[in-house]
Amino acid sequence: IRVLVGVGLLILVFVGPQTPWGWVGVV
């Protein structure tokens, strides 16, 4: 679940709203 959530948040950096908050998905 943590891996899927992390990947999902990182996808937001490149696709979608493209906000820097997606980098939180690295954690």
PDB file of all heavy atoms in Angstrom:
ATOM      1  N   ILE A   1       0.834  -1.205   0.000  1.00  0.00           N
ATOM      2  CA  ILE A   1       0.000   0.000   0.000  1.00  0.00           C
ATOM      3  C   ILE A   1       0.864   1.248   0.000  1.00  0.00           C
ATOM      4  O   ILE A   1       0.601   2.198  -0.728  1.00  0.00           O
ATOM      5  CB  ILE A   1      -0.970  -0.015   1.190  1.00  0.00           C
ATOM      6  CG1 ILE A   1      -2.009  -1.124   1.003  1.00  0.00           C
ATOM      7  CG2 ILE A   1      -1.648   1.340   1.369  1.00  0.00           C
ATOM      8  CD1 ILE A   1      -2.868  -1.370   2.212  1.00  0.00           C
ATOM      9  N   ARG A   2       1.931   1.237   0.814  1.00  0.00           N
ATOM     10  CA  ARG A   2       2.826   2.402   0.853  1.00  0.00           C
ATOM     11  C   ARG A   2       3.496   2.635  -0.495  1.00  0.00           C
ATOM     12  O   ARG A   2       3.646   3.777  -0.942  1.00  0.00           O
ATOM     13  CB  ARG A   2       3.881   2.240   1.944  1.00  0.00           C
ATOM     14  CG  ARG A   2       3.312   2.487   3.332  1.00  0.00           C
ATOM     15  CD  ARG A   2       4.383   2.477   4.363  1.00  0.00           C
ATOM     16  NE  ARG A   2       4.735   1.075   4.645  1.00  0.00           N
ATOM     17  CZ  ARG A   2       5.748   0.696   5.397  1.00  0.00           C
ATOM     18  NH1 ARG A   2       6.532   1.569   5.940  1.00  0.00           N
ATOM     19  NH2 ARG A   2       5.982  -0.576   5.612  1.00  0.00           N
ATOM     20  N   VAL A   3       3.899   1.566  -1.163  1.00  0.00           N
ATOM     21  CA  VAL A   3       4.533   1.706  -2.479  1.00  0.00           C
ATOM     22  C   VAL A   3       3.529   2.276  -3.484  1.00  0.00           C
ATOM     23  O   VAL A   3       3.848   3.192  -4.246  1.00  0.00           O
ATOM     24  CB  VAL A   3       5.103   0.358  -2.967  1.00  0.00           C
ATOM     25  CG1 VAL A   3       5.508   0.424  -4.426  1.00  0.00           C
ATOM     26  CG2 VAL A   3       6.284  -0.052  -2.105  1.00  0.00           C
ATOM     27  N   LEU A   4       2.309   1.749  -3.476  1.00  0.00           N
ATOM     28  CA  LEU A   4       1.294   2.247  -4.412  1.00  0.00           C
ATOM     29  C   LEU A   4       0.949   3.713  -4.157  1.00  0.00           C
ATOM     30  O   LEU A   4       0.811   4.501  -5.096  1.00  0.00           O
ATOM     31  CB  LEU A   4       0.034   1.393  -4.322  1.00  0.00           C
ATOM     32  CG  LEU A   4       0.142  -0.009  -4.906  1.00  0.00           C
ATOM     33  CD1 LEU A   4      -1.135  -0.793  -4.661  1.00  0.00           C
ATOM     34  CD2 LEU A   4       0.453   0.061  -6.380  1.00  0.00           C
ATOM     35  N   VAL A   5       0.830   4.093  -2.888  1.00  0.00           N
ATOM     36  CA  VAL A   5       0.537   5.491  -2.552  1.00  0.00           C
ATOM     37  C   VAL A   5       1.694   6.383  -2.992  1.00  0.00           C
ATOM     38  O   VAL A   5       1.489   7.461  -3.558  1.00  0.00           O
ATOM     39  CB  VAL A   5       0.253   5.653  -1.046  1.00  0.00           C
ATOM     40  CG1 VAL A   5       0.253   7.107  -0.630  1.00  0.00           C
ATOM     41  CG2 VAL A   5      -1.066   4.999  -0.689  1.00  0.00           C
ATOM     42  N   GLY A   6       2.914   5.930  -2.746  1.00  0.00           N
ATOM     43  CA  GLY A   6       4.081   6.707  -3.147  1.00  0.00           C
ATOM     44  C   GLY A   6       4.161   6.910  -4.645  1.00  0.00           C
ATOM     45  O   GLY A   6       4.398   8.016  -5.128  1.00  0.00           O
ATOM     46  N   VAL A   7       3.931   5.839  -5.393  1.00  0.00           N
ATOM     47  CA  VAL A   7       3.948   5.947  -6.857  1.00  0.00           C
ATOM     48  C   VAL A   7       2.822   6.849  -7.333  1.00  0.00           C
ATOM     49  O   VAL A   7       3.009   7.682  -8.231  1.00  0.00           O
ATOM     50  CB  VAL A   7       3.865   4.550  -7.501  1.00  0.00           C
ATOM     51  CG1 VAL A   7       3.620   4.644  -8.987  1.00  0.00           C
ATOM     52  CG2 VAL A   7       5.126   3.757  -7.217  1.00  0.00           C
ATOM     53  N   GLY A   8       1.642   6.714  -6.726  1.00  0.00           N
ATOM     54  CA  GLY A   8       0.506   7.557  -7.104  1.00  0.00           C
ATOM     55  C   GLY A   8       0.792   9.033  -6.888  1.00  0.00           C
ATOM     56  O   GLY A   8       0.473   9.873  -7.738  1.00  0.00           O
ATOM     57  N   LEU A   9       1.416   9.352  -5.762  1.00  0.00           N
ATOM     58  CA  LEU A   9       1.748  10.753  -5.498  1.00  0.00           C
ATOM     59  C   LEU A   9       2.833  11.262  -6.444  1.00  0.00           C
ATOM     60  O   LEU A   9       2.792  12.412  -6.886  1.00  0.00           O
ATOM     61  CB  LEU A   9       2.187  10.928  -4.042  1.00  0.00           C
ATOM     62  CG  LEU A   9       1.078  10.832  -3.006  1.00  0.00           C
ATOM     63  CD1 LEU A   9       1.663  10.805  -1.599  1.00  0.00           C
ATOM     64  CD2 LEU A   9       0.111  11.986  -3.150  1.00  0.00           C
ATOM     65  N   LEU A  10       3.797  10.418  -6.754  1.00  0.00           N
ATOM     66  CA  LEU A  10       4.850  10.838  -7.686  1.00  0.00           C
ATOM     67  C   LEU A  10       4.298  11.049  -9.092  1.00  0.00           C
ATOM     68  O   LEU A  10       4.788  11.902  -9.828  1.00  0.00           O
ATOM     69  CB  LEU A  10       5.980   9.816  -7.714  1.00  0.00           C
ATOM     70  CG  LEU A  10       6.923   9.884  -6.526  1.00  0.00           C
ATOM     71  CD1 LEU A  10       7.913   8.729  -6.570  1.00  0.00           C
ATOM     72  CD2 LEU A  10       7.659  11.207  -6.498  1.00  0.00           C
ATOM     73  N   ILE A  11       3.301  10.282  -9.467  1.00  0.00           N
ATOM     74  CA  ILE A  11       2.678  10.481 -10.780  1.00  0.00           C
ATOM     75  C   ILE A  11       2.061  11.871 -10.871  1.00  0.00           C
ATOM     76  O   ILE A  11       2.067  12.494 -11.934  1.00  0.00           O
ATOM     77  CB  ILE A  11       1.638   9.372 -11.049  1.00  0.00           C
ATOM     78  CG1 ILE A  11       2.365   8.061 -11.328  1.00  0.00           C
ATOM     79  CG2 ILE A  11       0.722   9.731 -12.201  1.00  0.00           C
ATOM     80  CD1 ILE A  11       1.458   6.862 -11.443  1.00  0.00           C
ATOM     81  N   LEU A  12       1.566  12.375  -9.745  1.00  0.00           N
ATOM     82  CA  LEU A  12       0.979  13.722  -9.749  1.00  0.00           C
ATOM     83  C   LEU A  12       1.991  14.808 -10.097  1.00  0.00           C
ATOM     84  O   LEU A  12       1.618  15.888 -10.538  1.00  0.00           O
ATOM     85  CB  LEU A  12       0.344  14.025  -8.391  1.00  0.00           C
ATOM     86  CG  LEU A  12      -0.897  13.232  -8.033  1.00  0.00           C
ATOM     87  CD1 LEU A  12      -1.355  13.599  -6.629  1.00  0.00           C
ATOM     88  CD2 LEU A  12      -1.998  13.476  -9.033  1.00  0.00           C
ATOM     89  N   VAL A  13       3.268  14.531  -9.884  1.00  0.00           N
ATOM     90  CA  VAL A  13       4.303  15.522 -10.217  1.00  0.00           C
ATOM     91  C   VAL A  13       4.410  15.681 -11.735  1.00  0.00           C
ATOM     92  O   VAL A  13       4.618  16.774 -12.235  1.00  0.00           O
ATOM     93  CB  VAL A  13       5.669  15.099  -9.629  1.00  0.00           C
ATOM     94  CG1 VAL A  13       6.782  16.001 -10.109  1.00  0.00           C
ATOM     95  CG2 VAL A  13       5.611  15.104  -8.112  1.00  0.00           C
ATOM     96  N   PHE A  14       4.243  14.571 -12.458  1.00  0.00           N
ATOM     97  CA  PHE A  14       4.461  14.592 -13.901  1.00  0.00           C
ATOM     98  C   PHE A  14       3.167  14.667 -14.707  1.00  0.00           C
ATOM     99  O   PHE A  14       3.163  15.168 -15.819  1.00  0.00           O
ATOM    100  CB  PHE A  14       5.256  13.350 -14.308  1.00  0.00           C
ATOM    101  CG  PHE A  14       6.565  13.244 -13.583  1.00  0.00           C
ATOM    102  CD1 PHE A  14       6.734  12.330 -12.561  1.00  0.00           C
ATOM    103  CD2 PHE A  14       7.615  14.083 -13.897  1.00  0.00           C
ATOM    104  CE1 PHE A  14       7.935  12.237 -11.879  1.00  0.00           C
ATOM    105  CE2 PHE A  14       8.827  14.010 -13.225  1.00  0.00           C
ATOM    106  CZ  PHE A  14       8.982  13.074 -12.212  1.00  0.00           C
ATOM    107  N   VAL A  15       2.073  14.140 -14.146  1.00  0.00           N
ATOM    108  CA  VAL A  15       0.787  14.118 -14.834  1.00  0.00           C
ATOM    109  C   VAL A  15      -0.246  14.696 -13.870  1.00  0.00           C
ATOM    110  O   VAL A  15      -0.192  14.455 -12.681  1.00  0.00           O
ATOM    111  CB  VAL A  15       0.386  12.672 -15.209  1.00  0.00           C
ATOM    112  CG1 VAL A  15      -0.944  12.637 -15.915  1.00  0.00           C
ATOM    113  CG2 VAL A  15       1.464  12.017 -16.038  1.00  0.00           C
ATOM    114  N   GLY A  16      -1.174  15.418 -14.372  1.00  0.00           N
ATOM    115  CA  GLY A  16      -2.210  15.975 -13.500  1.00  0.00           C
ATOM    116  C   GLY A  16      -1.890  17.406 -13.116  1.00  0.00           C
ATOM    117  O   GLY A  16      -1.431  18.188 -13.945  1.00  0.00           O
ATOM    118  N   PRO A  17      -2.076  17.747 -11.838  1.00  0.00           N
ATOM    119  CA  PRO A  17      -1.874  19.142 -11.441  1.00  0.00           C
ATOM    120  C   PRO A  17      -0.414  19.587 -11.456  1.00  0.00           C
ATOM    121  O   PRO A  17      -0.130  20.760 -11.444  1.00  0.00           O
ATOM    122  CB  PRO A  17      -2.444  19.206 -10.030  1.00  0.00           C
ATOM    123  CG  PRO A  17      -2.471  17.814  -9.537  1.00  0.00           C
ATOM    124  CD  PRO A  17      -2.598  16.934 -10.746  1.00  0.00           C
ATOM    125  N   GLN A  18       0.527  18.659 -11.501  1.00  0.00           N
ATOM    126  CA  GLN A  18       1.962  18.940 -11.558  1.00  0.00           C
ATOM    127  C   GLN A  18       2.412  19.904 -10.459  1.00  0.00           C
ATOM    128  O   GLN A  18       3.097  20.888 -10.714  1.00  0.00           O
ATOM    129  CB  GLN A  18       2.343  19.468 -12.931  1.00  0.00           C
ATOM    130  CG  GLN A  18       2.060  18.481 -14.027  1.00  0.00           C
ATOM    131  CD  GLN A  18       2.402  18.994 -15.394  1.00  0.00           C
ATOM    132  OE1 GLN A  18       2.590  20.181 -15.605  1.00  0.00           O
ATOM    133  NE2 GLN A  18       2.475  18.094 -16.352  1.00  0.00           N
ATOM    134  N   THR A  19       2.042  19.590  -9.239  1.00  0.00           N
ATOM    135  CA  THR A  19       2.474  20.398  -8.104  1.00  0.00           C
ATOM    136  C   THR A  19       3.650  19.724  -7.412  1.00  0.00           C
ATOM    137  O   THR A  19       3.797  18.501  -7.463  1.00  0.00           O
ATOM    138  CB  THR A  19       1.327  20.565  -7.088  1.00  0.00           C
ATOM    139  OG1 THR A  19       0.996  19.287  -6.555  1.00  0.00           O
ATOM    140  CG2 THR A  19       0.108  21.204  -7.717  1.00  0.00           C
ATOM    141  N   PRO A  20       4.493  20.501  -6.764  1.00  0.00           N
ATOM    142  CA  PRO A  20       5.633  19.907  -6.057  1.00  0.00           C
ATOM    143  C   PRO A  20       5.222  19.061  -4.854  1.00  0.00           C
ATOM    144  O   PRO A  20       6.026  18.307  -4.328  1.00  0.00           O
ATOM    145  CB  PRO A  20       6.465  21.109  -5.616  1.00  0.00           C
ATOM    146  CG  PRO A  20       5.663  22.315  -5.882  1.00  0.00           C
ATOM    147  CD  PRO A  20       4.532  21.949  -6.770  1.00  0.00           C
ATOM    148  N   TRP A  21       3.994  19.151  -4.403  1.00  0.00           N
ATOM    149  CA  TRP A  21       3.536  18.332  -3.273  1.00  0.00           C
ATOM    150  C   TRP A  21       3.582  16.849  -3.600  1.00  0.00           C
ATOM    151  O   TRP A  21       3.619  16.008  -2.707  1.00  0.00           O
ATOM    152  CB  TRP A  21       2.124  18.729  -2.849  1.00  0.00           C
ATOM    153  CG  TRP A  21       2.121  19.974  -2.045  1.00  0.00           C
ATOM    154  CD1 TRP A  21       1.781  21.215  -2.472  1.00  0.00           C
ATOM    155  CD2 TRP A  21       2.501  20.123  -0.682  1.00  0.00           C
ATOM    156  NE1 TRP A  21       1.919  22.122  -1.469  1.00  0.00           N
ATOM    157  CE2 TRP A  21       2.366  21.479  -0.352  1.00  0.00           C
ATOM    158  CE3 TRP A  21       2.957  19.243   0.285  1.00  0.00           C
ATOM    159  CZ2 TRP A  21       2.667  21.970   0.915  1.00  0.00           C
ATOM    160  CZ3 TRP A  21       3.258  19.734   1.545  1.00  0.00           C
ATOM    161  CH2 TRP A  21       3.109  21.079   1.840  1.00  0.00           C
ATOM    162  N   GLY A  22       3.593  16.500  -4.855  1.00  0.00           N
ATOM    163  CA  GLY A  22       3.683  15.096  -5.245  1.00  0.00           C
ATOM    164  C   GLY A  22       4.983  14.437  -4.817  1.00  0.00           C
ATOM    165  O   GLY A  22       5.056  13.230  -4.663  1.00  0.00           O
ATOM    166  N   TRP A  23       6.026  15.255  -4.611  1.00  0.00           N
ATOM    167  CA  TRP A  23       7.316  14.713  -4.175  1.00  0.00           C
ATOM    168  C   TRP A  23       7.237  14.115  -2.774  1.00  0.00           C
ATOM    169  O   TRP A  23       8.143  13.388  -2.361  1.00  0.00           O
ATOM    170  CB  TRP A  23       8.405  15.772  -4.253  1.00  0.00           C
ATOM    171  CG  TRP A  23       8.770  16.098  -5.654  1.00  0.00           C
ATOM    172  CD1 TRP A  23       8.472  17.240  -6.341  1.00  0.00           C
ATOM    173  CD2 TRP A  23       9.471  15.272  -6.580  1.00  0.00           C
ATOM    174  NE1 TRP A  23       8.947  17.172  -7.626  1.00  0.00           N
ATOM    175  CE2 TRP A  23       9.571  15.971  -7.794  1.00  0.00           C
ATOM    176  CE3 TRP A  23      10.035  14.000  -6.499  1.00  0.00           C
ATOM    177  CZ2 TRP A  23      10.208  15.439  -8.914  1.00  0.00           C
ATOM    178  CZ3 TRP A  23      10.654  13.473  -7.621  1.00  0.00           C
ATOM    179  CH2 TRP A  23      10.744  14.185  -8.807  1.00  0.00           C
ATOM    180  N   VAL A  24       6.173  14.401  -2.054  1.00  0.00           N
ATOM    181  CA  VAL A  24       5.959  13.775  -0.743  1.00  0.00           C
ATOM    182  C   VAL A  24       5.835  12.259  -0.927  1.00  0.00           C
ATOM    183  O   VAL A  24       6.115  11.491  -0.014  1.00  0.00           O
ATOM    184  CB  VAL A  24       4.697  14.367  -0.069  1.00  0.00           C
ATOM    185  CG1 VAL A  24       4.340  13.641   1.196  1.00  0.00           C
ATOM    186  CG2 VAL A  24       4.903  15.846   0.198  1.00  0.00           C
ATOM    187  N   GLY A  25       5.465  11.820  -2.114  1.00  0.00           N
ATOM    188  CA  GLY A  25       5.331  10.402  -2.406  1.00  0.00           C
ATOM    189  C   GLY A  25       6.625   9.627  -2.304  1.00  0.00           C
ATOM    190  O   GLY A  25       6.610   8.398  -2.225  1.00  0.00           O
ATOM    191  N   VAL A  26       7.759  10.316  -2.290  1.00  0.00           N
ATOM    192  CA  VAL A  26       9.041   9.634  -2.147  1.00  0.00           C
ATOM    193  C   VAL A  26       9.121   8.939  -0.780  1.00  0.00           C
ATOM    194  O   VAL A  26       9.668   7.843  -0.665  1.00  0.00           O
ATOM    195  CB  VAL A  26      10.204  10.636  -2.329  1.00  0.00           C
ATOM    196  CG1 VAL A  26      11.534  10.016  -1.975  1.00  0.00           C
ATOM    197  CG2 VAL A  26      10.217  11.175  -3.745  1.00  0.00           C
ATOM    198  N   VAL A  27       8.555   9.552   0.239  1.00  0.00           N
ATOM    199  CA  VAL A  27       8.642   8.999   1.596  1.00  0.00           C
ATOM    200  C   VAL A  27       7.933   7.650   1.694  1.00  0.00           C
ATOM    201  O   VAL A  27       8.557   6.659   2.097  1.00  0.00           O
ATOM    202  CB  VAL A  27       8.106  10.007   2.642  1.00  0.00           C
ATOM    203  CG1 VAL A  27       8.072   9.381   4.022  1.00  0.00           C
ATOM    204  CG2 VAL A  27       8.933  11.271   2.631  1.00  0.00           C
TER     205      VAL A  27
END
